[in-house]
Amino acid sequence: MSLRARRWPVIAALVAAIFFALSGAPTDAREVVGFSGYPRGTIVVKTGERRLYFVDSNGTAIRYPVGVGKAGMAWHGRAFVARKLVRPSWGPPLDIWRANPNLPARIEGGSPRNPMGERVLGLDRGNYAIHGTNDPSSIGRFVSHGCIRMFNEDIIDLYNRVPVGTPVVVLP
């Protein structure tokens, strides 16, 4: 094999790594990090970071990468977890249906076309939720109509940690 042929895979991998790093997508999975300023059990979303923090004890939190609202669709404020759902069916809210009138009225839970993924933490604020996604490439991006998207394995982890009533703070 020529030197040029041996270099190609290395160069291609390097270019892909640089592209991914510059794309703004997170490269890390959930991890425990130092975090303070909120009571234990609070979910804090830092929209600009595209990260969700579940406040643990002793000045730490579990940090998860997330997808957040598109420009003009993101929201900030306080909410709480009002309901918890496993593999729910989904129907587009009116604003999403108007933008995409070809969407079906209902997509069954578990379908790869269902945007809610494996679990949903429904918030007390409108149609907003923290939910999984069947499109992992959307994590780390500004993509939703205001919901917070997580990898399915991460929403399952968070779902198992939080009860209904958990406070949620969404920051810019």
C-alpha atoms as a PDB file:
ATOM      1  CA  MET A   1       0.000   0.000   0.000  1.00  0.00           C
ATOM      2  CA  SER A   2       1.402   3.415  -0.920  1.00  0.00           C
ATOM      3  CA  LEU A   3       2.072   6.134   1.630  1.00  0.00           C
ATOM      4  CA  ARG A   4      -0.722   8.225   0.066  1.00  0.00           C
ATOM      5  CA  ALA A   5      -3.239   5.375   0.465  1.00  0.00           C
ATOM      6  CA  ARG A   6      -2.253   4.925   4.129  1.00  0.00           C
ATOM      7  CA  ARG A   7      -2.605   8.654   4.884  1.00  0.00           C
ATOM      8  CA  TRP A   8      -6.100   9.017   3.399  1.00  0.00           C
ATOM      9  CA  PRO A   9      -8.041   7.394   6.306  1.00  0.00           C
ATOM     10  CA  VAL A  10      -6.109   9.482   8.845  1.00  0.00           C
ATOM     11  CA  ILE A  11      -6.728  12.708   6.929  1.00  0.00           C
ATOM     12  CA  ALA A  12     -10.423  11.877   6.449  1.00  0.00           C
ATOM     13  CA  ALA A  13     -10.855  11.178  10.175  1.00  0.00           C
ATOM     14  CA  LEU A  14      -9.106  14.425  11.080  1.00  0.00           C
ATOM     15  CA  VAL A  15     -11.273  16.465   8.696  1.00  0.00           C
ATOM     16  CA  ALA A  16     -14.442  14.815  10.080  1.00  0.00           C
ATOM     17  CA  ALA A  17     -13.391  15.546  13.675  1.00  0.00           C
ATOM     18  CA  ILE A  18     -12.676  19.200  12.884  1.00  0.00           C
ATOM     19  CA  PHE A  19     -15.992  19.581  11.024  1.00  0.00           C
ATOM     20  CA  PHE A  20     -17.933  18.026  13.909  1.00  0.00           C
ATOM     21  CA  ALA A  21     -16.169  20.225  16.480  1.00  0.00           C
ATOM     22  CA  LEU A  22     -16.900  23.377  14.470  1.00  0.00           C
ATOM     23  CA  SER A  23     -20.539  22.434  13.868  1.00  0.00           C
ATOM     24  CA  GLY A  24     -21.456  23.307  17.458  1.00  0.00           C
ATOM     25  CA  ALA A  25     -22.708  19.804  18.209  1.00  0.00           C
ATOM     26  CA  PRO A  26     -21.716  18.445  21.592  1.00  0.00           C
ATOM     27  CA  THR A  27     -19.262  15.601  21.528  1.00  0.00           C
ATOM     28  CA  ASP A  28     -19.754  14.550  25.126  1.00  0.00           C
ATOM     29  CA  ALA A  29     -22.336  12.323  26.696  1.00  0.00           C
ATOM     30  CA  ARG A  30     -23.941  12.839  30.068  1.00  0.00           C
ATOM     31  CA  GLU A  31     -21.526  13.401  32.909  1.00  0.00           C
ATOM     32  CA  VAL A  32     -21.378  14.613  36.505  1.00  0.00           C
ATOM     33  CA  VAL A  33     -20.088  18.188  36.765  1.00  0.00           C
ATOM     34  CA  GLY A  34     -19.741  20.871  39.421  1.00  0.00           C
ATOM     35  CA  PHE A  35     -22.933  22.943  39.632  1.00  0.00           C
ATOM     36  CA  SER A  36     -24.495  25.188  42.267  1.00  0.00           C
ATOM     37  CA  GLY A  37     -27.147  27.835  42.748  1.00  0.00           C
ATOM     38  CA  TYR A  38     -30.270  25.653  42.516  1.00  0.00           C
ATOM     39  CA  PRO A  39     -31.902  23.236  44.948  1.00  0.00           C
ATOM     40  CA  ARG A  40     -31.317  19.514  44.655  1.00  0.00           C
ATOM     41  CA  GLY A  41     -33.759  17.894  42.231  1.00  0.00           C
ATOM     42  CA  THR A  42     -34.116  20.929  39.945  1.00  0.00           C
ATOM     43  CA  ILE A  43     -33.781  20.627  36.161  1.00  0.00           C
ATOM     44  CA  VAL A  44     -31.880  23.594  34.691  1.00  0.00           C
ATOM     45  CA  VAL A  45     -31.660  24.054  30.914  1.00  0.00           C
ATOM     46  CA  LYS A  46     -29.017  26.430  29.578  1.00  0.00           C
ATOM     47  CA  THR A  47     -30.341  27.074  26.087  1.00  0.00           C
ATOM     48  CA  GLY A  48     -27.207  28.809  24.795  1.00  0.00           C
ATOM     49  CA  GLU A  49     -25.046  25.893  25.928  1.00  0.00           C
ATOM     50  CA  ARG A  50     -27.547  23.333  24.650  1.00  0.00           C
ATOM     51  CA  ARG A  51     -27.178  21.492  27.947  1.00  0.00           C
ATOM     52  CA  LEU A  52     -29.594  20.278  30.613  1.00  0.00           C
ATOM     53  CA  TYR A  53     -28.463  19.929  34.230  1.00  0.00           C
ATOM     54  CA  PHE A  54     -30.191  17.767  36.820  1.00  0.00           C
ATOM     55  CA  VAL A  55     -29.030  19.152  40.155  1.00  0.00           C
ATOM     56  CA  ASP A  56     -27.739  16.431  42.443  1.00  0.00           C
ATOM     57  CA  SER A  57     -26.257  16.921  45.881  1.00  0.00           C
ATOM     58  CA  ASN A  58     -22.929  18.294  47.084  1.00  0.00           C
ATOM     59  CA  GLY A  59     -22.602  20.987  44.423  1.00  0.00           C
ATOM     60  CA  THR A  60     -22.886  18.656  41.448  1.00  0.00           C
ATOM     61  CA  ALA A  61     -25.295  17.984  38.612  1.00  0.00           C
ATOM     62  CA  ILE A  62     -25.699  15.454  35.841  1.00  0.00           C
ATOM     63  CA  ARG A  63     -25.160  17.314  32.565  1.00  0.00           C
ATOM     64  CA  TYR A  64     -26.856  16.105  29.390  1.00  0.00           C
ATOM     65  CA  PRO A  65     -26.513  17.435  25.821  1.00  0.00           C
ATOM     66  CA  VAL A  66     -29.850  18.599  24.383  1.00  0.00           C
ATOM     67  CA  GLY A  67     -31.505  20.112  21.329  1.00  0.00           C
ATOM     68  CA  VAL A  68     -33.431  23.324  22.017  1.00  0.00           C
ATOM     69  CA  GLY A  69     -35.846  25.763  20.375  1.00  0.00           C
ATOM     70  CA  LYS A  70     -35.111  27.395  17.031  1.00  0.00           C
ATOM     71  CA  ALA A  71     -34.663  31.154  16.852  1.00  0.00           C
ATOM     72  CA  GLY A  72     -37.984  32.742  17.744  1.00  0.00           C
ATOM     73  CA  MET A  73     -39.333  29.497  19.230  1.00  0.00           C
ATOM     74  CA  ALA A  74     -37.167  29.101  22.317  1.00  0.00           C
ATOM     75  CA  TRP A  75     -38.634  30.119  25.642  1.00  0.00           C
ATOM     76  CA  HIS A  76     -37.139  30.970  29.015  1.00  0.00           C
ATOM     77  CA  GLY A  77     -38.630  30.839  32.456  1.00  0.00           C
ATOM     78  CA  ARG A  78     -39.860  28.455  35.099  1.00  0.00           C
ATOM     79  CA  ALA A  79     -42.083  25.424  34.812  1.00  0.00           C
ATOM     80  CA  PHE A  80     -42.551  22.062  36.486  1.00  0.00           C
ATOM     81  CA  VAL A  81     -42.954  18.474  35.333  1.00  0.00           C
ATOM     82  CA  ALA A  82     -46.727  18.001  35.106  1.00  0.00           C
ATOM     83  CA  ARG A  83     -46.828  14.482  33.638  1.00  0.00           C
ATOM     84  CA  LYS A  84     -44.595  11.584  32.664  1.00  0.00           C
ATOM     85  CA  LEU A  85     -45.269   9.422  29.608  1.00  0.00           C
ATOM     86  CA  VAL A  86     -43.675   6.301  28.141  1.00  0.00           C
ATOM     87  CA  ARG A  87     -43.556   6.046  24.314  1.00  0.00           C
ATOM     88  CA  PRO A  88     -46.537   8.358  23.811  1.00  0.00           C
ATOM     89  CA  SER A  89     -48.347   8.831  20.548  1.00  0.00           C
ATOM     90  CA  TRP A  90     -47.970  12.295  19.046  1.00  0.00           C
ATOM     91  CA  GLY A  91     -50.137  14.633  17.044  1.00  0.00           C
ATOM     92  CA  PRO A  92     -48.798  17.926  15.746  1.00  0.00           C
ATOM     93  CA  PRO A  93     -49.942  21.045  17.578  1.00  0.00           C
ATOM     94  CA  LEU A  94     -51.740  23.547  15.334  1.00  0.00           C
ATOM     95  CA  ASP A  95     -48.659  25.734  14.699  1.00  0.00           C
ATOM     96  CA  ILE A  96     -46.567  22.744  13.605  1.00  0.00           C
ATOM     97  CA  TRP A  97     -49.393  21.340  11.488  1.00  0.00           C
ATOM     98  CA  ARG A  98     -49.844  24.704   9.727  1.00  0.00           C
ATOM     99  CA  ALA A  99     -46.140  24.734   8.845  1.00  0.00           C
ATOM    100  CA  ASN A 100     -46.273  21.063   7.735  1.00  0.00           C
ATOM    101  CA  PRO A 101     -49.832  20.245   6.581  1.00  0.00           C
ATOM    102  CA  ASN A 102     -48.753  16.843   5.224  1.00  0.00           C
ATOM    103  CA  LEU A 103     -48.086  15.526   8.731  1.00  0.00           C
ATOM    104  CA  PRO A 104     -50.474  12.814   9.888  1.00  0.00           C
ATOM    105  CA  ALA A 105     -52.944  13.698  12.615  1.00  0.00           C
ATOM    106  CA  ARG A 106     -51.387  11.069  14.896  1.00  0.00           C
ATOM    107  CA  ILE A 107     -48.170   9.047  15.028  1.00  0.00           C
ATOM    108  CA  GLU A 108     -48.193   6.033  17.328  1.00  0.00           C
ATOM    109  CA  GLY A 109     -45.670   5.711  20.142  1.00  0.00           C
ATOM    110  CA  GLY A 110     -42.683   3.584  19.222  1.00  0.00           C
ATOM    111  CA  SER A 111     -42.839   4.585  15.559  1.00  0.00           C
ATOM    112  CA  PRO A 112     -39.474   5.778  14.199  1.00  0.00           C
ATOM    113  CA  ARG A 113     -41.417   8.784  12.794  1.00  0.00           C
ATOM    114  CA  ASN A 114     -42.642   9.804  16.258  1.00  0.00           C
ATOM    115  CA  PRO A 115     -40.663  12.892  17.376  1.00  0.00           C
ATOM    116  CA  MET A 116     -41.225  12.233  21.097  1.00  0.00           C
ATOM    117  CA  GLY A 117     -38.876   9.272  21.450  1.00  0.00           C
ATOM    118  CA  GLU A 118     -38.947   6.868  24.375  1.00  0.00           C
ATOM    119  CA  ARG A 119     -40.052   9.128  27.249  1.00  0.00           C
ATOM    120  CA  VAL A 120     -41.678  12.500  27.837  1.00  0.00           C
ATOM    121  CA  LEU A 121     -41.585  14.861  30.784  1.00  0.00           C
ATOM    122  CA  GLY A 122     -44.563  17.079  29.979  1.00  0.00           C
ATOM    123  CA  LEU A 123     -44.322  20.574  31.403  1.00  0.00           C
ATOM    124  CA  ASP A 124     -47.122  22.651  32.875  1.00  0.00           C
ATOM    125  CA  ARG A 125     -46.445  25.352  30.283  1.00  0.00           C
ATOM    126  CA  GLY A 126     -48.350  24.958  27.000  1.00  0.00           C
ATOM    127  CA  ASN A 127     -47.276  22.164  24.661  1.00  0.00           C
ATOM    128  CA  TYR A 128     -43.668  22.169  25.900  1.00  0.00           C
ATOM    129  CA  ALA A 129     -41.891  19.050  27.060  1.00  0.00           C
ATOM    130  CA  ILE A 130     -38.525  17.499  27.694  1.00  0.00           C
ATOM    131  CA  HIS A 131     -38.494  14.401  25.535  1.00  0.00           C
ATOM    132  CA  GLY A 132     -36.411  11.872  23.670  1.00  0.00           C
ATOM    133  CA  THR A 133     -35.867  11.923  19.948  1.00  0.00           C
ATOM    134  CA  ASN A 134     -35.579   9.440  17.133  1.00  0.00           C
ATOM    135  CA  ASP A 135     -33.261  11.918  15.378  1.00  0.00           C
ATOM    136  CA  PRO A 136     -30.047  11.902  17.420  1.00  0.00           C
ATOM    137  CA  SER A 137     -28.412  14.321  14.945  1.00  0.00           C
ATOM    138  CA  SER A 138     -30.704  17.050  16.340  1.00  0.00           C
ATOM    139  CA  ILE A 139     -29.027  16.964  19.753  1.00  0.00           C
ATOM    140  CA  GLY A 140     -26.761  19.956  20.297  1.00  0.00           C
ATOM    141  CA  ARG A 141     -28.662  22.120  17.851  1.00  0.00           C
ATOM    142  CA  PHE A 142     -31.364  24.801  17.782  1.00  0.00           C
ATOM    143  CA  VAL A 143     -34.068  22.670  16.150  1.00  0.00           C
ATOM    144  CA  SER A 144     -37.357  22.437  17.993  1.00  0.00           C
ATOM    145  CA  HIS A 145     -40.533  24.450  18.356  1.00  0.00           C
ATOM    146  CA  GLY A 146     -39.619  25.035  22.004  1.00  0.00           C
ATOM    147  CA  CYS A 147     -39.289  21.538  23.416  1.00  0.00           C
ATOM    148  CA  ILE A 148     -36.058  20.227  24.889  1.00  0.00           C
ATOM    149  CA  ARG A 149     -34.821  17.116  23.030  1.00  0.00           C
ATOM    150  CA  MET A 150     -32.562  14.472  24.531  1.00  0.00           C
ATOM    151  CA  PHE A 151     -30.956  11.267  23.341  1.00  0.00           C
ATOM    152  CA  ASN A 152     -33.403   8.441  24.121  1.00  0.00           C
ATOM    153  CA  GLU A 153     -30.981   6.818  26.586  1.00  0.00           C
ATOM    154  CA  ASP A 154     -30.611  10.173  28.391  1.00  0.00           C
ATOM    155  CA  ILE A 155     -34.334  10.902  28.677  1.00  0.00           C
ATOM    156  CA  ILE A 156     -34.839   7.392  30.076  1.00  0.00           C
ATOM    157  CA  ASP A 157     -32.135   8.103  32.669  1.00  0.00           C
ATOM    158  CA  LEU A 158     -33.641  11.494  33.595  1.00  0.00           C
ATOM    159  CA  TYR A 159     -37.219  10.120  33.551  1.00  0.00           C
ATOM    160  CA  ASN A 160     -36.204   7.520  36.153  1.00  0.00           C
ATOM    161  CA  ARG A 161     -34.711  10.228  38.402  1.00  0.00           C
ATOM    162  CA  VAL A 162     -37.498  12.832  38.518  1.00  0.00           C
ATOM    163  CA  PRO A 163     -41.031  12.786  39.926  1.00  0.00           C
ATOM    164  CA  VAL A 164     -44.017  14.798  38.747  1.00  0.00           C
ATOM    165  CA  GLY A 165     -43.656  18.256  40.302  1.00  0.00           C
ATOM    166  CA  THR A 166     -39.917  18.576  39.601  1.00  0.00           C
ATOM    167  CA  PRO A 167     -39.059  22.256  39.051  1.00  0.00           C
ATOM    168  CA  VAL A 168     -37.627  23.229  35.653  1.00  0.00           C
ATOM    169  CA  VAL A 169     -35.698  26.435  34.956  1.00  0.00           C
ATOM    170  CA  VAL A 170     -34.935  27.347  31.326  1.00  0.00           C
ATOM    171  CA  LEU A 171     -32.244  29.999  30.892  1.00  0.00           C
ATOM    172  CA  PRO A 172     -31.103  31.812  27.740  1.00  0.00           C
END
